[in-house]
N, C-alpha and C. Protein backbone atom coordinates (compact mmCIF):
# COMPACT_ATOMS: atom_id res chain seq x y z
N UNK A 1 38.78 11.39 -6.54
CA UNK A 1 37.89 10.87 -5.51
C UNK A 1 38.39 11.34 -4.13
N UNK A 2 37.45 11.43 -3.23
CA UNK A 2 37.74 11.90 -1.88
C UNK A 2 37.35 10.82 -0.88
N UNK A 3 38.27 10.49 0.01
CA UNK A 3 38.01 9.51 1.07
C UNK A 3 37.49 10.28 2.28
N UNK A 4 36.25 10.00 2.63
CA UNK A 4 35.55 10.70 3.70
C UNK A 4 35.45 9.79 4.91
N UNK A 5 35.93 10.25 6.05
CA UNK A 5 35.92 9.48 7.29
C UNK A 5 35.19 10.29 8.35
N UNK A 6 34.04 9.77 8.80
CA UNK A 6 33.21 10.48 9.77
C UNK A 6 33.14 9.72 11.09
N UNK A 7 33.00 10.47 12.18
CA UNK A 7 32.76 9.85 13.48
C UNK A 7 31.35 9.27 13.49
N UNK A 8 31.20 8.08 14.04
CA UNK A 8 29.90 7.42 14.05
C UNK A 8 28.84 8.23 14.77
N UNK A 9 29.18 8.83 15.91
CA UNK A 9 28.19 9.60 16.65
C UNK A 9 27.79 10.88 15.93
N UNK A 10 28.63 11.39 15.06
CA UNK A 10 28.30 12.59 14.29
C UNK A 10 27.32 12.28 13.16
N UNK A 11 27.34 11.06 12.66
CA UNK A 11 26.50 10.69 11.52
C UNK A 11 25.00 10.68 11.84
N UNK A 12 24.66 10.61 13.10
CA UNK A 12 23.25 10.51 13.49
C UNK A 12 22.45 11.70 13.00
N UNK A 13 23.02 12.88 13.07
CA UNK A 13 22.27 14.09 12.72
C UNK A 13 22.62 14.66 11.34
N UNK A 14 23.29 13.90 10.49
CA UNK A 14 23.71 14.40 9.18
C UNK A 14 22.77 13.96 8.08
N UNK A 15 22.80 14.73 6.98
CA UNK A 15 22.03 14.42 5.78
C UNK A 15 22.97 13.84 4.72
N UNK A 16 22.52 12.78 4.05
CA UNK A 16 23.36 12.08 3.07
C UNK A 16 22.73 12.05 1.69
N UNK A 17 21.81 12.94 1.40
CA UNK A 17 21.10 12.96 0.12
C UNK A 17 22.03 13.23 -1.06
N UNK A 18 23.11 13.97 -0.85
CA UNK A 18 24.02 14.32 -1.94
C UNK A 18 25.02 13.23 -2.28
N UNK A 19 25.12 12.21 -1.46
CA UNK A 19 26.05 11.11 -1.70
C UNK A 19 25.30 9.94 -2.33
N UNK A 20 25.80 9.50 -3.48
CA UNK A 20 25.18 8.36 -4.17
C UNK A 20 25.25 7.13 -3.25
N UNK A 21 24.12 6.56 -2.93
CA UNK A 21 24.07 5.43 -2.01
C UNK A 21 23.76 5.86 -0.59
N UNK A 22 23.83 7.15 -0.32
CA UNK A 22 23.49 7.68 0.99
C UNK A 22 24.33 7.11 2.12
N UNK A 23 23.70 6.97 3.25
CA UNK A 23 24.38 6.46 4.45
C UNK A 23 24.92 5.04 4.25
N UNK A 24 24.27 4.27 3.39
CA UNK A 24 24.69 2.88 3.19
C UNK A 24 26.01 2.76 2.43
N UNK A 25 26.50 3.84 1.85
CA UNK A 25 27.79 3.77 1.15
C UNK A 25 28.98 3.83 2.11
N UNK A 26 28.73 4.07 3.39
CA UNK A 26 29.78 4.12 4.40
C UNK A 26 29.98 2.74 5.02
N UNK A 27 31.24 2.39 5.25
CA UNK A 27 31.56 1.12 5.89
C UNK A 27 32.29 1.41 7.21
N UNK A 28 32.03 0.60 8.23
CA UNK A 28 32.69 0.84 9.52
C UNK A 28 34.16 0.44 9.49
N UNK A 29 34.97 1.23 10.16
CA UNK A 29 36.38 0.91 10.33
C UNK A 29 36.80 1.52 11.67
N UNK A 30 36.93 0.68 12.66
CA UNK A 30 37.24 1.15 14.01
C UNK A 30 36.06 1.94 14.55
N UNK A 31 36.30 3.15 15.01
CA UNK A 31 35.22 3.98 15.53
C UNK A 31 34.73 5.01 14.50
N UNK A 32 35.09 4.79 13.23
CA UNK A 32 34.71 5.72 12.17
C UNK A 32 33.95 5.00 11.06
N UNK A 33 33.30 5.79 10.22
CA UNK A 33 32.61 5.29 9.03
C UNK A 33 33.29 5.93 7.83
N UNK A 34 33.59 5.12 6.80
CA UNK A 34 34.40 5.59 5.69
C UNK A 34 33.68 5.35 4.36
N UNK A 35 33.78 6.34 3.46
CA UNK A 35 33.24 6.22 2.11
C UNK A 35 34.15 6.99 1.16
N UNK A 36 34.12 6.59 -0.11
CA UNK A 36 34.83 7.32 -1.15
C UNK A 36 33.78 8.01 -2.01
N UNK A 37 33.90 9.33 -2.14
CA UNK A 37 32.90 10.13 -2.84
C UNK A 37 33.58 11.00 -3.89
N UNK A 38 32.77 11.48 -4.83
CA UNK A 38 33.28 12.41 -5.85
C UNK A 38 33.36 13.82 -5.27
N UNK A 39 34.02 14.70 -5.99
CA UNK A 39 34.15 16.10 -5.57
C UNK A 39 32.76 16.75 -5.46
N UNK A 40 31.87 16.46 -6.40
CA UNK A 40 30.53 17.03 -6.38
C UNK A 40 29.72 16.53 -5.19
N UNK A 41 29.82 15.23 -4.90
CA UNK A 41 29.13 14.66 -3.75
C UNK A 41 29.67 15.28 -2.46
N UNK A 42 30.98 15.43 -2.38
CA UNK A 42 31.63 16.01 -1.20
C UNK A 42 31.15 17.44 -0.97
N UNK A 43 31.16 18.25 -2.02
CA UNK A 43 30.72 19.64 -1.91
C UNK A 43 29.26 19.74 -1.46
N UNK A 44 28.40 18.90 -2.05
CA UNK A 44 26.99 18.90 -1.66
C UNK A 44 26.78 18.46 -0.23
N UNK A 45 27.56 17.47 0.20
CA UNK A 45 27.47 16.97 1.57
C UNK A 45 27.87 18.05 2.57
N UNK A 46 28.96 18.77 2.28
CA UNK A 46 29.39 19.85 3.17
C UNK A 46 28.32 20.92 3.28
N UNK A 47 27.75 21.31 2.15
CA UNK A 47 26.74 22.37 2.14
C UNK A 47 25.48 21.93 2.89
N UNK A 48 25.03 20.70 2.66
CA UNK A 48 23.80 20.21 3.30
C UNK A 48 23.94 20.10 4.82
N UNK A 49 25.15 19.85 5.29
CA UNK A 49 25.38 19.65 6.72
C UNK A 49 26.06 20.84 7.40
N UNK A 50 26.22 21.93 6.66
CA UNK A 50 26.80 23.16 7.19
C UNK A 50 28.19 22.91 7.78
N UNK A 51 29.01 22.17 7.00
CA UNK A 51 30.36 21.83 7.42
C UNK A 51 31.37 22.65 6.62
N UNK A 52 32.53 22.87 7.21
CA UNK A 52 33.64 23.50 6.50
C UNK A 52 34.83 22.56 6.57
N UNK A 53 35.69 22.66 5.57
CA UNK A 53 36.92 21.86 5.59
C UNK A 53 38.06 22.76 6.03
N UNK A 54 38.84 22.27 6.96
CA UNK A 54 40.01 22.99 7.44
C UNK A 54 41.17 22.02 7.43
N UNK A 55 42.12 22.27 6.58
CA UNK A 55 43.21 21.33 6.31
C UNK A 55 42.61 20.00 5.92
N UNK A 56 42.69 18.97 6.75
CA UNK A 56 42.09 17.68 6.38
C UNK A 56 40.95 17.29 7.31
N UNK A 57 40.40 18.26 8.06
CA UNK A 57 39.30 17.96 8.99
C UNK A 57 38.00 18.60 8.51
N UNK A 58 36.90 18.04 8.97
CA UNK A 58 35.57 18.58 8.70
C UNK A 58 35.00 19.11 10.00
N UNK A 59 34.64 20.39 10.01
CA UNK A 59 34.14 21.03 11.21
C UNK A 59 32.79 21.66 10.96
N UNK A 60 31.98 21.75 12.02
CA UNK A 60 30.73 22.47 11.96
C UNK A 60 31.04 23.95 11.87
N UNK A 61 30.37 24.65 10.98
CA UNK A 61 30.63 26.06 10.77
C UNK A 61 30.39 26.90 12.02
N UNK A 62 29.29 26.63 12.73
CA UNK A 62 28.91 27.46 13.86
C UNK A 62 29.83 27.33 15.07
N UNK A 63 30.16 26.10 15.45
CA UNK A 63 30.89 25.90 16.71
C UNK A 63 32.28 25.28 16.56
N UNK A 64 32.66 24.89 15.37
CA UNK A 64 34.00 24.36 15.14
C UNK A 64 34.23 22.95 15.63
N UNK A 65 33.17 22.21 15.98
CA UNK A 65 33.34 20.82 16.40
C UNK A 65 33.81 19.97 15.23
N UNK A 66 34.78 19.11 15.47
CA UNK A 66 35.31 18.23 14.43
C UNK A 66 34.41 17.00 14.31
N UNK A 67 33.96 16.73 13.07
CA UNK A 67 33.08 15.59 12.81
C UNK A 67 33.74 14.50 11.97
N UNK A 68 34.91 14.79 11.44
CA UNK A 68 35.59 13.78 10.63
C UNK A 68 36.79 14.34 9.92
N UNK A 69 37.28 13.53 8.99
CA UNK A 69 38.46 13.88 8.20
C UNK A 69 38.23 13.51 6.75
N UNK A 70 39.06 14.03 5.87
CA UNK A 70 38.99 13.65 4.47
C UNK A 70 40.39 13.68 3.87
N UNK A 71 40.56 12.96 2.78
CA UNK A 71 41.80 13.00 2.04
C UNK A 71 41.47 12.82 0.56
N UNK A 72 42.25 13.47 -0.28
CA UNK A 72 42.05 13.40 -1.72
C UNK A 72 42.90 12.25 -2.26
N UNK A 73 42.24 11.37 -3.01
CA UNK A 73 42.94 10.19 -3.57
C UNK A 73 43.21 10.39 -5.04
């Protein structure tokens, strides 16, 4: 399983169709939203939102803006 932590302001323009439960599977924690997803859900989410993983961060492919973090559990 993968722990996905996204910035709240980044979530406004993202698609969550690949994650079971969609946006409602995320819970607030501080200034971030957190969910635990499978490897398949994670891969689909990255592809749908044009994100790349770099070390433990999630960045937009085009401009390199950081939208969140992830860790493998």
